[in-house]
Amino acid sequence: MEFLKEIEEILNRYPDRQGALLPSLYVAQKEYGWLSQESYEAVAQALNLPPATVKGVATFYAMYKHKPMGRHLIQLCTNVACMVMGAERLVDLLKNKYGLEPGGTTEDGRFSLVIMECIGACDKAPAMLVDTDFHADLNEKRIIEILESYK
């Protein structure tokens, strides 16, 4: 497992193994695309932490994926500001055009959709992240244009 070398490097930057847990989980997720039971156990072993602690921390945070995901992760905000500005219509568009349900993945494995409570862009609502790319002031036409650029 190549990511174990990266975890060793991470350990050198933190005063204790517990502090290295979050970045180590991110490295494992980057390696596999999601965190499986095998990933939890490998991270636990590398950090000398109980597997239950590793899994407990990983499942607490929304930034970690706990099932296989599409090539591109859409995180669409549905907080109050985004809903008022049309996020619900965007969710419907994703369902109708791409067959993409919240928490689901398209049949071709291209996109996964996660509904986010807030991504901190209320002044630019509705907003989303695709992978790590931020997109705001969305409408139906704009979201299709954006998603078509992700192959």
C-alpha atoms as a PDB file:
ATOM      1  CA  MET A   1       0.000   0.000   0.000  1.00  0.00           C
ATOM      2  CA  GLU A   2       1.680   3.095  -1.334  1.00  0.00           C
ATOM      3  CA  PHE A   3      -0.249   5.480   0.898  1.00  0.00           C
ATOM      4  CA  LEU A   4       1.452   4.069   4.002  1.00  0.00           C
ATOM      5  CA  LYS A   5       4.666   5.857   2.988  1.00  0.00           C
ATOM      6  CA  GLU A   6       2.742   9.122   2.892  1.00  0.00           C
ATOM      7  CA  ILE A   7       1.316   8.429   6.341  1.00  0.00           C
ATOM      8  CA  GLU A   8       4.842   7.957   7.684  1.00  0.00           C
ATOM      9  CA  GLU A   9       5.725  11.394   6.300  1.00  0.00           C
ATOM     10  CA  ILE A  10       2.600  12.859   7.911  1.00  0.00           C
ATOM     11  CA  LEU A  11       3.600  11.372  11.268  1.00  0.00           C
ATOM     12  CA  ASN A  12       6.809  13.395  11.197  1.00  0.00           C
ATOM     13  CA  ARG A  13       4.788  16.625  11.143  1.00  0.00           C
ATOM     14  CA  TYR A  14       2.612  15.923  14.193  1.00  0.00           C
ATOM     15  CA  PRO A  15       3.540  15.657  17.868  1.00  0.00           C
ATOM     16  CA  ASP A  16       1.436  12.515  18.357  1.00  0.00           C
ATOM     17  CA  ARG A  17      -0.252   9.817  16.302  1.00  0.00           C
ATOM     18  CA  GLN A  18      -3.760  11.004  17.116  1.00  0.00           C
ATOM     19  CA  GLY A  19      -2.977  14.365  15.504  1.00  0.00           C
ATOM     20  CA  ALA A  20      -2.021  12.638  12.260  1.00  0.00           C
ATOM     21  CA  LEU A  21      -5.343  10.792  11.976  1.00  0.00           C
ATOM     22  CA  LEU A  22      -7.376  13.220   9.840  1.00  0.00           C
ATOM     23  CA  PRO A  23      -4.701  13.806   7.187  1.00  0.00           C
ATOM     24  CA  SER A  24      -3.913  10.071   7.157  1.00  0.00           C
ATOM     25  CA  LEU A  25      -7.557   9.253   6.470  1.00  0.00           C
ATOM     26  CA  TYR A  26      -7.527  11.750   3.626  1.00  0.00           C
ATOM     27  CA  VAL A  27      -4.434  10.073   2.149  1.00  0.00           C
ATOM     28  CA  ALA A  28      -6.095   6.644   2.365  1.00  0.00           C
ATOM     29  CA  GLN A  29      -9.234   8.015   0.721  1.00  0.00           C
ATOM     30  CA  LYS A  30      -7.171   9.576  -2.058  1.00  0.00           C
ATOM     31  CA  GLU A  31      -5.531   6.186  -2.676  1.00  0.00           C
ATOM     32  CA  TYR A  32      -8.766   4.166  -2.899  1.00  0.00           C
ATOM     33  CA  GLY A  33     -11.392   6.801  -3.681  1.00  0.00           C
ATOM     34  CA  TRP A  34     -13.242   5.957  -0.472  1.00  0.00           C
ATOM     35  CA  LEU A  35     -12.648   4.516   2.998  1.00  0.00           C
ATOM     36  CA  SER A  36     -13.348   0.807   3.308  1.00  0.00           C
ATOM     37  CA  GLN A  37     -12.968  -1.353   6.408  1.00  0.00           C
ATOM     38  CA  GLU A  38      -9.569  -2.349   5.007  1.00  0.00           C
ATOM     39  CA  SER A  39      -8.593   1.332   4.839  1.00  0.00           C
ATOM     40  CA  TYR A  40      -9.607   1.917   8.460  1.00  0.00           C
ATOM     41  CA  GLU A  41      -7.546  -1.048   9.577  1.00  0.00           C
ATOM     42  CA  ALA A  42      -4.479  -0.015   7.551  1.00  0.00           C
ATOM     43  CA  VAL A  43      -4.584   3.528   8.952  1.00  0.00           C
ATOM     44  CA  ALA A  44      -5.128   2.187  12.464  1.00  0.00           C
ATOM     45  CA  GLN A  45      -2.129  -0.095  12.144  1.00  0.00           C
ATOM     46  CA  ALA A  46       0.069   2.652  10.651  1.00  0.00           C
ATOM     47  CA  LEU A  47      -0.845   5.050  13.483  1.00  0.00           C
ATOM     48  CA  ASN A  48      -0.964   2.409  16.214  1.00  0.00           C
ATOM     49  CA  LEU A  49      -4.530   3.399  17.071  1.00  0.00           C
ATOM     50  CA  PRO A  50      -7.583   1.183  17.705  1.00  0.00           C
ATOM     51  CA  PRO A  51      -9.519   0.513  14.479  1.00  0.00           C
ATOM     52  CA  ALA A  52     -12.734   1.605  16.245  1.00  0.00           C
ATOM     53  CA  THR A  53     -11.178   5.011  16.946  1.00  0.00           C
ATOM     54  CA  VAL A  54     -10.155   5.420  13.309  1.00  0.00           C
ATOM     55  CA  LYS A  55     -13.587   4.407  12.006  1.00  0.00           C
ATOM     56  CA  GLY A  56     -15.350   6.564  14.598  1.00  0.00           C
ATOM     57  CA  VAL A  57     -13.408   9.650  13.570  1.00  0.00           C
ATOM     58  CA  ALA A  58     -13.823   8.925   9.856  1.00  0.00           C
ATOM     59  CA  THR A  59     -17.586   8.437  10.079  1.00  0.00           C
ATOM     60  CA  PHE A  60     -18.003  11.625  12.115  1.00  0.00           C
ATOM     61  CA  TYR A  61     -16.800  13.898   9.315  1.00  0.00           C
ATOM     62  CA  ALA A  62     -18.725  14.500   6.075  1.00  0.00           C
ATOM     63  CA  MET A  63     -15.495  14.998   4.088  1.00  0.00           C
ATOM     64  CA  TYR A  64     -14.781  11.266   4.065  1.00  0.00           C
ATOM     65  CA  LYS A  65     -16.490   8.890   1.651  1.00  0.00           C
ATOM     66  CA  HIS A  66     -17.700   5.572   3.033  1.00  0.00           C
ATOM     67  CA  LYS A  67     -18.740   3.903  -0.211  1.00  0.00           C
ATOM     68  CA  PRO A  68     -17.391   3.873  -3.759  1.00  0.00           C
ATOM     69  CA  MET A  69     -18.010   7.182  -5.489  1.00  0.00           C
ATOM     70  CA  GLY A  70     -18.075   8.537  -9.022  1.00  0.00           C
ATOM     71  CA  ARG A  71     -15.064  10.078 -10.716  1.00  0.00           C
ATOM     72  CA  HIS A  72     -16.346  13.526  -9.754  1.00  0.00           C
ATOM     73  CA  LEU A  73     -18.009  14.457  -6.477  1.00  0.00           C
ATOM     74  CA  ILE A  74     -20.725  17.113  -6.632  1.00  0.00           C
ATOM     75  CA  GLN A  75     -21.390  18.737  -3.257  1.00  0.00           C
ATOM     76  CA  LEU A  76     -24.489  20.870  -3.671  1.00  0.00           C
ATOM     77  CA  CYS A  77     -25.456  23.257  -0.889  1.00  0.00           C
ATOM     78  CA  THR A  78     -29.095  23.162   0.189  1.00  0.00           C
ATOM     79  CA  ASN A  79     -28.951  25.534   3.146  1.00  0.00           C
ATOM     80  CA  VAL A  80     -31.655  28.194   3.442  1.00  0.00           C
ATOM     81  CA  ALA A  81     -29.968  30.791   1.222  1.00  0.00           C
ATOM     82  CA  CYS A  82     -29.266  28.250  -1.519  1.00  0.00           C
ATOM     83  CA  MET A  83     -32.781  26.808  -1.321  1.00  0.00           C
ATOM     84  CA  VAL A  84     -34.347  30.275  -1.592  1.00  0.00           C
ATOM     85  CA  MET A  85     -32.180  30.937  -4.647  1.00  0.00           C
ATOM     86  CA  GLY A  86     -33.135  27.698  -6.422  1.00  0.00           C
ATOM     87  CA  ALA A  87     -31.059  24.785  -5.124  1.00  0.00           C
ATOM     88  CA  GLU A  88     -34.151  22.562  -5.017  1.00  0.00           C
ATOM     89  CA  ARG A  89     -34.611  23.033  -8.768  1.00  0.00           C
ATOM     90  CA  LEU A  90     -30.963  22.076  -9.246  1.00  0.00           C
ATOM     91  CA  VAL A  91     -31.445  18.872  -7.247  1.00  0.00           C
ATOM     92  CA  ASP A  92     -34.450  18.066  -9.451  1.00  0.00           C
ATOM     93  CA  LEU A  93     -32.393  18.778 -12.574  1.00  0.00           C
ATOM     94  CA  LEU A  94     -29.646  16.413 -11.431  1.00  0.00           C
ATOM     95  CA  LYS A  95     -32.248  13.702 -10.804  1.00  0.00           C
ATOM     96  CA  ASN A  96     -33.999  14.182 -14.140  1.00  0.00           C
ATOM     97  CA  LYS A  97     -31.050  14.818 -16.476  1.00  0.00           C
ATOM     98  CA  TYR A  98     -28.385  12.595 -14.913  1.00  0.00           C
ATOM     99  CA  GLY A  99     -30.456  10.112 -12.870  1.00  0.00           C
ATOM    100  CA  LEU A 100     -28.465  11.369  -9.895  1.00  0.00           C
ATOM    101  CA  GLU A 101     -30.108  11.031  -6.504  1.00  0.00           C
ATOM    102  CA  PRO A 102     -28.646  12.617  -3.356  1.00  0.00           C
ATOM    103  CA  GLY A 103     -26.133  10.143  -1.948  1.00  0.00           C
ATOM    104  CA  GLY A 104     -26.037   8.301  -5.258  1.00  0.00           C
ATOM    105  CA  THR A 105     -23.804   7.852  -8.270  1.00  0.00           C
ATOM    106  CA  THR A 106     -24.645   8.046 -11.971  1.00  0.00           C
ATOM    107  CA  GLU A 107     -24.855   4.723 -13.813  1.00  0.00           C
ATOM    108  CA  ASP A 108     -21.716   5.551 -15.795  1.00  0.00           C
ATOM    109  CA  GLY A 109     -19.763   6.297 -12.595  1.00  0.00           C
ATOM    110  CA  ARG A 110     -19.093   9.859 -13.710  1.00  0.00           C
ATOM    111  CA  PHE A 111     -20.722  11.768 -10.818  1.00  0.00           C
ATOM    112  CA  SER A 112     -21.726  11.246  -7.215  1.00  0.00           C
ATOM    113  CA  LEU A 113     -23.957  13.737  -5.416  1.00  0.00           C
ATOM    114  CA  VAL A 114     -23.732  14.758  -1.788  1.00  0.00           C
ATOM    115  CA  ILE A 115     -26.150  17.298  -0.386  1.00  0.00           C
ATOM    116  CA  MET A 116     -24.298  19.712   1.891  1.00  0.00           C
ATOM    117  CA  GLU A 117     -25.868  21.757   4.644  1.00  0.00           C
ATOM    118  CA  CYS A 118     -23.612  24.737   3.990  1.00  0.00           C
ATOM    119  CA  ILE A 119     -20.464  25.439   2.004  1.00  0.00           C
ATOM    120  CA  GLY A 120     -20.127  29.016   3.230  1.00  0.00           C
ATOM    121  CA  ALA A 121     -21.140  30.870   0.088  1.00  0.00           C
ATOM    122  CA  CYS A 122     -24.546  32.281   0.993  1.00  0.00           C
ATOM    123  CA  ASP A 123     -23.797  35.540  -0.835  1.00  0.00           C
ATOM    124  CA  LYS A 124     -23.323  33.582  -4.074  1.00  0.00           C
ATOM    125  CA  ALA A 125     -26.194  31.125  -3.707  1.00  0.00           C
ATOM    126  CA  PRO A 126     -26.868  28.570  -4.960  1.00  0.00           C
ATOM    127  CA  ALA A 127     -23.395  27.084  -4.838  1.00  0.00           C
ATOM    128  CA  MET A 128     -21.612  23.753  -5.178  1.00  0.00           C
ATOM    129  CA  LEU A 129     -18.240  22.102  -5.228  1.00  0.00           C
ATOM    130  CA  VAL A 130     -17.273  19.684  -7.968  1.00  0.00           C
ATOM    131  CA  ASP A 131     -14.290  17.817  -6.597  1.00  0.00           C
ATOM    132  CA  THR A 132     -12.421  20.821  -5.126  1.00  0.00           C
ATOM    133  CA  ASP A 133     -13.651  23.381  -7.675  1.00  0.00           C
ATOM    134  CA  PHE A 134     -16.063  26.001  -6.330  1.00  0.00           C
ATOM    135  CA  HIS A 135     -19.026  27.125  -8.486  1.00  0.00           C
ATOM    136  CA  ALA A 136     -21.593  29.765  -7.509  1.00  0.00           C
ATOM    137  CA  ASP A 137     -24.580  31.758  -8.764  1.00  0.00           C
ATOM    138  CA  LEU A 138     -25.931  28.548 -10.271  1.00  0.00           C
ATOM    139  CA  ASN A 139     -28.999  28.025 -12.403  1.00  0.00           C
ATOM    140  CA  GLU A 140     -30.129  25.081 -14.535  1.00  0.00           C
ATOM    141  CA  LYS A 141     -28.261  26.183 -17.660  1.00  0.00           C
ATOM    142  CA  ARG A 142     -25.058  27.015 -15.802  1.00  0.00           C
ATOM    143  CA  ILE A 143     -24.925  23.755 -13.832  1.00  0.00           C
ATOM    144  CA  ILE A 144     -25.254  21.728 -17.046  1.00  0.00           C
ATOM    145  CA  GLU A 145     -22.460  23.737 -18.695  1.00  0.00           C
ATOM    146  CA  ILE A 146     -20.235  23.203 -15.658  1.00  0.00           C
ATOM    147  CA  LEU A 147     -20.894  19.472 -15.393  1.00  0.00           C
ATOM    148  CA  GLU A 148     -20.337  18.917 -19.102  1.00  0.00           C
ATOM    149  CA  SER A 149     -16.753  20.117 -18.619  1.00  0.00           C
ATOM    150  CA  TYR A 150     -16.071  17.186 -16.237  1.00  0.00           C
ATOM    151  CA  LYS A 151     -15.480  14.001 -18.196  1.00  0.00           C
END
